[in-house]
Amino acid sequence: ERAGINALAICTAPYKNARNEIAKCNCPFSEHRDEAAPGRNMRERFEELLRQGGITRPNQNIMDRLHKLNNSVFISASTPNDAVYWYEWTKVIPKTATRERFLNVTGYQLDGMHPQFDGILLAGDDKGQLYMFKQRPHDSNEIIFASRVNGMPFVVASSYQYAETVDATGETHSCGGLLMRKFETSLSGNEFQCSISYLLLRCKSMIIAINSMHTEGIVHMDLKETNIFVRSGVWFVGDFGSCVNHGDPVRETTGGCYVLTHQEIIGTPARWHHDWFAMTLVLVNQLRVHEGPIDFAVAGFRDRVIAAIHANCEEVELKTLLLRMVDCEEQCMHFEGEGDFEIVIDEVK
């Protein structure tokens, strides 16, 4: 813990291995192993992190609720900010009464937290179809921009807002978010080499998606494999939390593909080019799945993307589109036959 190593890794590793890892960090290692209940120790450690984060007297009702909903955060939280985040987030987890109201209004039954993501609940209808409910305030960037895109090929989300009393003190917190269909996978989980004909279809559908966003004045700013969702072979653009209006300062982006000249772009004006180049990289990485993604941390990144297009794509139409996208500064990009191109869910068997 003193070495800053993830506590969960230490708890699950053999004792000797954990000791060796801590020794590498030149931190003192205690031979004493506390025999008290691990869950209790982790909760006390979590409350100490809360105190360091400014919450000196955490509400035990909220702590009990966090323990019931997701006990693993007591182990995984490693900083005061982590602890405060989870404590505050637990306040707005929908309780039984809210779940019933949500069911009455939407027809969907809220369940527990999604095991892989913060702030996401699972929901389901009476036919067994799974949905995700992303908890967000009504004025969040993601809700504002998600409401401005619709239709295919986007992850369509509906916004719901409500207020809820969450603890014995009577304190009320705003709660709400986006309800959307849960997709089975994203491109980040693809381990198979896609055919050129398939990638040509997907390239055209993504051009249509980007054109649609750009026509609304939106720059996505986070187009990457984890934000391209797949259903029946069709790609859908999702996660609008990093979107900004064209020309507005970039607020956040996690995609390393935007590091075109190794300069920090946070705070600089959002450009159409950011989306075009990012989608080019997504498509090129799908051309070379077995070789792994292109390393953007090395100089000459753009030139290596172009070289990868030439090396991995002999199909003239797809290569032409990719080479146009690499340096595209235009708001919209068009291709031959665009007016007749239709995105069909069951087009890929």
Protein backbone atom coordinates (compact mmCIF):
# COMPACT_ATOMS: atom_id res chain seq x y z
CA GLU A 1 0.00 0.00 0.00
CA ARG A 2 2.85 2.38 0.88
CA ALA A 3 4.49 1.54 -2.46
CA GLY A 4 1.39 2.69 -4.26
CA ILE A 5 0.79 -0.80 -5.66
CA ASN A 6 -2.80 -1.80 -6.32
CA ALA A 7 -3.99 -3.43 -3.11
CA LEU A 8 -6.02 -5.98 -5.01
CA ALA A 9 -2.92 -7.21 -6.83
CA ILE A 10 -1.11 -7.68 -3.52
CA CYS A 11 -4.04 -9.51 -1.93
CA THR A 12 -4.34 -11.95 -4.82
CA ALA A 13 -0.63 -12.51 -5.44
CA PRO A 14 1.43 -15.08 -3.55
CA TYR A 15 2.85 -13.59 -0.36
CA LYS A 16 6.44 -13.93 -1.57
CA ASN A 17 5.71 -12.21 -4.90
CA ALA A 18 3.98 -9.28 -3.21
CA ARG A 19 6.93 -8.89 -0.86
CA ASN A 20 9.40 -8.91 -3.76
CA GLU A 21 7.41 -6.31 -5.71
CA ILE A 22 7.32 -3.94 -2.74
CA ALA A 23 11.04 -4.46 -2.18
CA LYS A 24 11.74 -3.25 -5.73
CA CYS A 25 10.19 0.09 -4.76
CA ASN A 26 12.60 0.48 -1.82
CA CYS A 27 9.69 0.72 0.59
CA PRO A 28 9.63 -0.86 4.06
CA PHE A 29 7.78 -4.17 4.23
CA SER A 30 6.15 -5.30 7.44
CA GLU A 31 6.40 -8.99 8.33
CA HIS A 32 3.21 -8.59 10.38
CA ARG A 33 0.08 -9.84 8.62
CA ASP A 34 -3.15 -8.58 10.14
CA GLU A 35 -5.40 -11.54 10.91
CA ALA A 36 -8.52 -9.37 11.31
CA ALA A 37 -11.32 -9.58 8.76
CA PRO A 38 -9.97 -8.19 5.43
CA GLY A 39 -13.29 -6.54 4.55
CA ARG A 40 -13.32 -4.53 7.74
CA ASN A 41 -9.69 -3.46 7.33
CA MET A 42 -10.32 -2.30 3.77
CA ARG A 43 -13.37 -0.30 4.86
CA GLU A 44 -11.37 1.45 7.59
CA ARG A 45 -8.62 2.18 5.06
CA PHE A 46 -11.26 3.58 2.66
CA GLU A 47 -12.65 5.85 5.39
CA GLU A 48 -9.13 7.10 6.11
CA LEU A 49 -8.78 8.00 2.42
CA LEU A 50 -12.10 9.86 2.68
CA ARG A 51 -10.81 11.84 5.65
CA GLN A 52 -7.73 12.78 3.65
CA GLY A 53 -10.08 13.89 0.87
CA GLY A 54 -12.02 16.20 3.23
CA ILE A 55 -14.93 13.91 4.22
CA THR A 56 -14.10 13.61 7.91
CA ARG A 57 -17.36 12.01 9.05
CA PRO A 58 -18.68 9.78 6.26
CA ASN A 59 -22.33 8.84 6.49
CA GLN A 60 -22.43 5.18 7.54
CA ASN A 61 -25.68 4.60 5.64
CA ILE A 62 -23.89 5.54 2.46
CA MET A 63 -20.88 3.42 3.42
CA ASP A 64 -23.17 0.43 4.05
CA ARG A 65 -24.80 0.98 0.70
CA LEU A 66 -21.42 1.13 -1.07
CA HIS A 67 -20.35 -2.04 0.75
CA LYS A 68 -23.48 -3.80 -0.51
CA LEU A 69 -23.30 -2.51 -4.08
CA ASN A 70 -19.60 -2.81 -4.82
CA ASN A 71 -17.38 -3.98 -1.99
CA SER A 72 -14.38 -4.23 -4.33
CA VAL A 73 -13.92 -0.44 -4.38
CA PHE A 74 -12.74 -0.61 -0.76
CA ILE A 75 -9.77 -2.59 -2.07
CA SER A 76 -9.22 -0.86 -5.41
CA ALA A 77 -9.39 2.79 -4.25
CA SER A 78 -5.80 3.96 -3.87
CA THR A 79 -6.10 7.76 -3.48
CA PRO A 80 -8.34 10.20 -1.57
CA ASN A 81 -9.82 11.29 -4.91
CA ASP A 82 -10.78 7.67 -5.69
CA ALA A 83 -12.53 7.30 -2.35
CA VAL A 84 -14.39 10.63 -2.58
CA TYR A 85 -15.51 9.81 -6.13
CA TRP A 86 -17.02 6.47 -5.11
CA TYR A 87 -18.59 7.93 -1.96
CA GLU A 88 -20.29 10.74 -3.90
CA TRP A 89 -21.30 8.41 -6.72
CA THR A 90 -23.01 6.04 -4.30
CA LYS A 91 -25.29 8.87 -3.19
CA VAL A 92 -27.00 8.90 -6.57
CA ILE A 93 -27.32 5.15 -7.15
CA PRO A 94 -31.06 4.67 -7.67
CA LYS A 95 -32.78 3.13 -4.66
CA THR A 96 -35.79 0.79 -4.76
CA ALA A 97 -38.38 3.58 -5.00
CA THR A 98 -36.53 5.24 -7.86
CA ARG A 99 -36.14 1.95 -9.69
CA GLU A 100 -39.90 1.47 -9.49
CA ARG A 101 -40.53 4.97 -10.84
CA PHE A 102 -38.01 4.35 -13.61
CA LEU A 103 -39.80 1.09 -14.53
CA ASN A 104 -43.18 2.83 -14.60
CA VAL A 105 -41.92 5.67 -16.81
CA THR A 106 -39.68 3.77 -19.22
CA GLY A 107 -40.71 0.14 -19.00
CA TYR A 108 -37.14 -0.85 -18.12
CA GLN A 109 -35.98 -2.48 -14.91
CA LEU A 110 -32.79 -1.05 -13.42
CA ASP A 111 -30.32 -3.53 -11.97
CA GLY A 112 -26.90 -3.25 -10.31
CA MET A 113 -23.72 -1.60 -11.51
CA HIS A 114 -22.07 -2.64 -14.73
CA PRO A 115 -18.97 -4.59 -13.65
CA GLN A 116 -16.62 -2.88 -16.11
CA PHE A 117 -17.56 0.79 -15.98
CA ASP A 118 -18.02 3.51 -13.39
CA GLY A 119 -21.38 5.24 -13.26
CA ILE A 120 -23.21 2.70 -15.41
CA LEU A 121 -26.19 0.60 -14.41
CA LEU A 122 -27.65 -2.31 -16.31
CA ALA A 123 -31.30 -2.23 -17.33
CA GLY A 124 -33.55 -4.70 -19.10
CA ASP A 125 -36.98 -5.01 -20.68
CA ASP A 126 -39.49 -7.81 -20.30
CA LYS A 127 -38.12 -9.52 -23.41
CA GLY A 128 -34.67 -9.91 -21.98
CA GLN A 129 -32.99 -7.18 -24.04
CA LEU A 130 -30.20 -5.51 -22.05
CA TYR A 131 -29.74 -1.76 -21.87
CA MET A 132 -27.22 0.51 -20.17
CA PHE A 133 -28.13 3.48 -18.05
CA LYS A 134 -25.27 5.96 -17.76
CA GLN A 135 -25.73 8.21 -14.72
CA ARG A 136 -25.09 11.80 -15.72
CA PRO A 137 -26.37 15.23 -14.56
CA HIS A 138 -28.90 16.87 -16.88
CA ASP A 139 -26.43 19.52 -18.00
CA SER A 140 -23.57 17.11 -18.71
CA ASN A 141 -21.67 17.40 -21.95
CA GLU A 142 -22.58 13.84 -22.94
CA ILE A 143 -26.34 14.36 -22.60
CA ILE A 144 -26.26 17.67 -24.47
CA PHE A 145 -24.38 16.28 -27.47
CA ALA A 146 -26.08 12.86 -27.50
CA SER A 147 -29.39 14.64 -27.99
CA ARG A 148 -28.04 16.31 -31.15
CA VAL A 149 -27.23 13.11 -33.04
CA ASN A 150 -29.73 10.43 -33.97
CA GLY A 151 -30.36 7.56 -36.32
CA MET A 152 -27.81 5.23 -37.81
CA PRO A 153 -24.98 4.68 -37.32
CA PHE A 154 -25.10 6.17 -33.82
CA VAL A 155 -25.77 4.66 -30.42
CA VAL A 156 -29.18 6.20 -29.79
CA ALA A 157 -29.73 7.30 -26.19
CA SER A 158 -32.76 8.68 -24.37
CA SER A 159 -32.31 11.12 -21.48
CA TYR A 160 -34.13 10.67 -18.16
CA GLN A 161 -33.88 12.87 -15.08
CA TYR A 162 -35.28 12.59 -11.59
CA ALA A 163 -34.46 13.54 -7.99
CA GLU A 164 -34.08 11.15 -5.07
CA THR A 165 -33.67 11.26 -1.31
CA VAL A 166 -30.78 8.92 -0.61
CA ASP A 167 -30.08 8.79 3.10
CA ALA A 168 -31.50 9.23 6.59
CA THR A 169 -30.51 12.88 6.68
CA GLY A 170 -33.10 13.72 4.03
CA GLU A 171 -30.45 15.10 1.67
CA THR A 172 -31.68 15.12 -1.94
CA HIS A 173 -29.42 14.62 -4.93
CA SER A 174 -30.13 15.05 -8.62
CA CYS A 175 -29.91 11.82 -10.52
CA GLY A 176 -30.51 10.86 -14.11
CA GLY A 177 -28.72 9.95 -17.27
CA LEU A 178 -28.82 8.25 -20.65
CA LEU A 179 -30.59 5.00 -21.46
CA MET A 180 -29.24 3.08 -24.46
CA ARG A 181 -29.11 -0.41 -25.84
CA LYS A 182 -26.24 -2.52 -24.49
CA PHE A 183 -23.95 -3.62 -27.28
CA GLU A 184 -22.26 -6.99 -27.05
CA THR A 185 -18.85 -5.72 -28.04
CA SER A 186 -16.78 -2.84 -29.36
CA LEU A 187 -14.01 -2.82 -31.93
CA SER A 188 -11.45 -3.01 -29.12
CA GLY A 189 -12.46 -6.64 -28.65
CA ASN A 190 -11.92 -7.62 -32.28
CA GLU A 191 -9.13 -10.16 -32.80
CA PHE A 192 -10.04 -11.19 -36.34
CA GLN A 193 -8.78 -9.84 -39.64
CA CYS A 194 -11.70 -8.18 -41.42
CA SER A 195 -12.15 -8.56 -45.17
CA ILE A 196 -11.46 -5.58 -47.43
CA SER A 197 -15.04 -5.57 -48.73
CA TYR A 198 -16.36 -5.46 -45.16
CA LEU A 199 -14.02 -2.60 -44.18
CA LEU A 200 -15.06 -0.65 -47.28
CA LEU A 201 -18.69 -0.80 -46.12
CA ARG A 202 -17.72 0.24 -42.60
CA CYS A 203 -15.48 3.04 -43.87
CA LYS A 204 -18.39 4.50 -45.85
CA SER A 205 -20.77 4.21 -42.89
CA MET A 206 -18.26 5.99 -40.63
CA ILE A 207 -17.83 8.78 -43.19
CA ILE A 208 -21.62 9.23 -43.12
CA ALA A 209 -21.54 9.30 -39.29
CA ILE A 210 -18.78 11.92 -39.19
CA ASN A 211 -20.52 14.00 -41.88
CA SER A 212 -23.70 13.89 -39.79
CA MET A 213 -21.93 15.07 -36.63
CA HIS A 214 -19.96 17.75 -38.47
CA THR A 215 -23.11 19.05 -40.17
CA GLU A 216 -24.45 19.68 -36.65
CA GLY A 217 -21.20 21.53 -35.85
CA ILE A 218 -19.99 18.72 -33.54
CA VAL A 219 -16.45 17.38 -33.31
CA HIS A 220 -16.48 14.01 -31.52
CA MET A 221 -12.84 14.24 -30.30
CA ASP A 222 -12.71 10.65 -29.05
CA LEU A 223 -13.17 8.33 -32.01
CA LYS A 224 -11.36 5.10 -31.14
CA GLU A 225 -11.97 1.36 -31.02
CA THR A 226 -13.62 1.38 -27.58
CA ASN A 227 -16.17 3.97 -28.76
CA ILE A 228 -17.15 2.11 -31.93
CA PHE A 229 -19.76 -0.51 -30.98
CA VAL A 230 -20.71 -3.51 -33.07
CA ARG A 231 -24.09 -5.12 -33.66
CA SER A 232 -24.66 -7.73 -36.38
CA GLY A 233 -21.46 -6.59 -38.05
CA VAL A 234 -22.53 -2.93 -38.25
CA TRP A 235 -20.50 -0.24 -36.48
CA PHE A 236 -22.16 2.39 -34.27
CA VAL A 237 -20.51 5.57 -32.94
CA GLY A 238 -21.06 6.17 -29.23
CA ASP A 239 -19.76 7.97 -26.13
CA PHE A 240 -20.23 11.70 -26.72
CA GLY A 241 -18.62 12.83 -23.46
CA SER A 242 -15.67 14.48 -25.20
CA CYS A 243 -17.66 16.24 -27.93
CA VAL A 244 -17.28 19.98 -28.47
CA ASN A 245 -18.54 22.46 -31.01
CA HIS A 246 -16.15 23.11 -33.87
CA GLY A 247 -13.69 25.83 -32.93
CA ASP A 248 -14.35 25.55 -29.19
CA PRO A 249 -11.46 24.55 -26.91
CA VAL A 250 -10.84 20.81 -26.62
CA ARG A 251 -11.75 19.80 -23.05
CA GLU A 252 -10.67 16.18 -22.98
CA THR A 253 -9.65 13.29 -25.18
CA THR A 254 -8.18 9.91 -24.36
CA GLY A 255 -7.28 8.96 -27.89
CA GLY A 256 -3.53 8.97 -28.47
CA CYS A 257 -4.35 9.06 -32.17
CA TYR A 258 -4.82 12.81 -31.87
CA VAL A 259 -1.15 13.38 -31.11
CA LEU A 260 -0.27 14.29 -34.68
CA THR A 261 2.75 16.48 -33.90
CA HIS A 262 3.30 15.40 -30.29
CA GLN A 263 1.77 18.65 -29.05
CA GLU A 264 -0.81 18.89 -26.32
CA ILE A 265 -4.16 19.78 -27.89
CA ILE A 266 -6.19 20.29 -24.71
CA GLY A 267 -7.42 23.89 -24.82
CA THR A 268 -6.76 24.31 -28.55
CA PRO A 269 -9.67 24.78 -31.00
CA ALA A 270 -11.40 21.55 -32.09
CA ARG A 271 -10.91 20.90 -35.81
CA TRP A 272 -12.72 18.68 -38.30
CA HIS A 273 -9.37 17.04 -38.97
CA HIS A 274 -9.25 15.51 -35.49
CA ASP A 275 -12.17 13.21 -36.29
CA TRP A 276 -11.03 12.33 -39.80
CA PHE A 277 -7.54 11.36 -38.72
CA ALA A 278 -8.80 9.41 -35.70
CA MET A 279 -11.21 7.36 -37.81
CA THR A 280 -8.47 6.70 -40.35
CA LEU A 281 -6.38 5.16 -37.58
CA VAL A 282 -9.30 3.00 -36.40
CA LEU A 283 -9.74 1.61 -39.92
CA VAL A 284 -6.02 1.10 -40.52
CA ASN A 285 -5.68 -0.82 -37.25
CA GLN A 286 -8.51 -3.09 -38.44
CA LEU A 287 -6.50 -3.72 -41.60
CA ARG A 288 -3.59 -4.96 -39.53
CA VAL A 289 -5.22 -6.63 -36.51
CA HIS A 290 -2.54 -9.32 -36.17
CA GLU A 291 0.29 -6.76 -36.26
CA GLY A 292 -1.09 -4.71 -33.38
CA PRO A 293 -1.93 -0.98 -33.31
CA ILE A 294 0.45 1.61 -34.69
CA ASP A 295 2.59 3.16 -31.95
CA PHE A 296 1.71 6.83 -31.83
CA ALA A 297 4.47 7.61 -29.31
CA VAL A 298 7.12 7.54 -32.04
CA ALA A 299 8.01 10.44 -34.31
CA GLY A 300 6.66 10.33 -37.87
CA PHE A 301 3.31 8.91 -36.79
CA ARG A 302 1.34 10.34 -39.73
CA ASP A 303 3.87 9.00 -42.24
CA ARG A 304 3.69 5.53 -40.69
CA VAL A 305 -0.12 5.59 -40.92
CA ILE A 306 0.15 6.39 -44.64
CA ALA A 307 2.76 3.66 -45.09
CA ALA A 308 0.45 1.17 -43.35
CA ILE A 309 -2.38 2.07 -45.75
CA HIS A 310 -0.19 1.35 -48.77
CA ALA A 311 1.19 -1.86 -47.23
CA ASN A 312 -2.12 -3.36 -46.10
CA CYS A 313 -4.72 -2.19 -48.61
CA GLU A 314 -4.60 -3.04 -52.30
CA GLU A 315 -8.31 -2.30 -52.88
CA VAL A 316 -8.29 0.99 -54.80
CA GLU A 317 -11.54 2.48 -53.49
CA LEU A 318 -10.80 1.86 -49.81
CA LYS A 319 -7.20 3.02 -50.15
CA THR A 320 -8.35 6.22 -51.85
CA LEU A 321 -10.85 6.99 -49.09
CA LEU A 322 -8.29 6.35 -46.33
CA LEU A 323 -5.66 8.54 -47.98
CA ARG A 324 -8.22 11.33 -48.32
CA MET A 325 -9.23 11.03 -44.65
CA VAL A 326 -5.66 11.23 -43.28
CA ASP A 327 -5.25 14.92 -44.12
CA CYS A 328 -8.91 15.94 -44.54
CA GLU A 329 -9.59 19.42 -43.16
CA GLU A 330 -13.06 19.67 -44.68
CA GLN A 331 -16.25 19.64 -42.63
CA CYS A 332 -17.72 16.83 -44.74
CA MET A 333 -16.20 14.28 -47.09
CA HIS A 334 -18.18 12.59 -49.85
CA PHE A 335 -17.74 9.45 -51.94
CA GLU A 336 -19.16 8.13 -55.20
CA GLY A 337 -22.58 6.52 -54.77
CA GLU A 338 -23.10 8.11 -51.33
CA GLY A 339 -26.71 9.01 -52.12
CA ASP A 340 -27.58 5.35 -52.71
CA PHE A 341 -25.54 3.95 -49.80
CA GLU A 342 -27.73 2.47 -47.08
CA ILE A 343 -26.65 1.09 -43.71
CA VAL A 344 -28.54 -2.14 -43.11
CA ILE A 345 -28.35 -4.04 -39.82
CA ASP A 346 -28.46 -7.52 -41.34
CA GLU A 347 -26.20 -6.78 -44.29
CA VAL A 348 -23.43 -8.90 -42.74
CA LYS A 349 -24.26 -12.50 -41.85
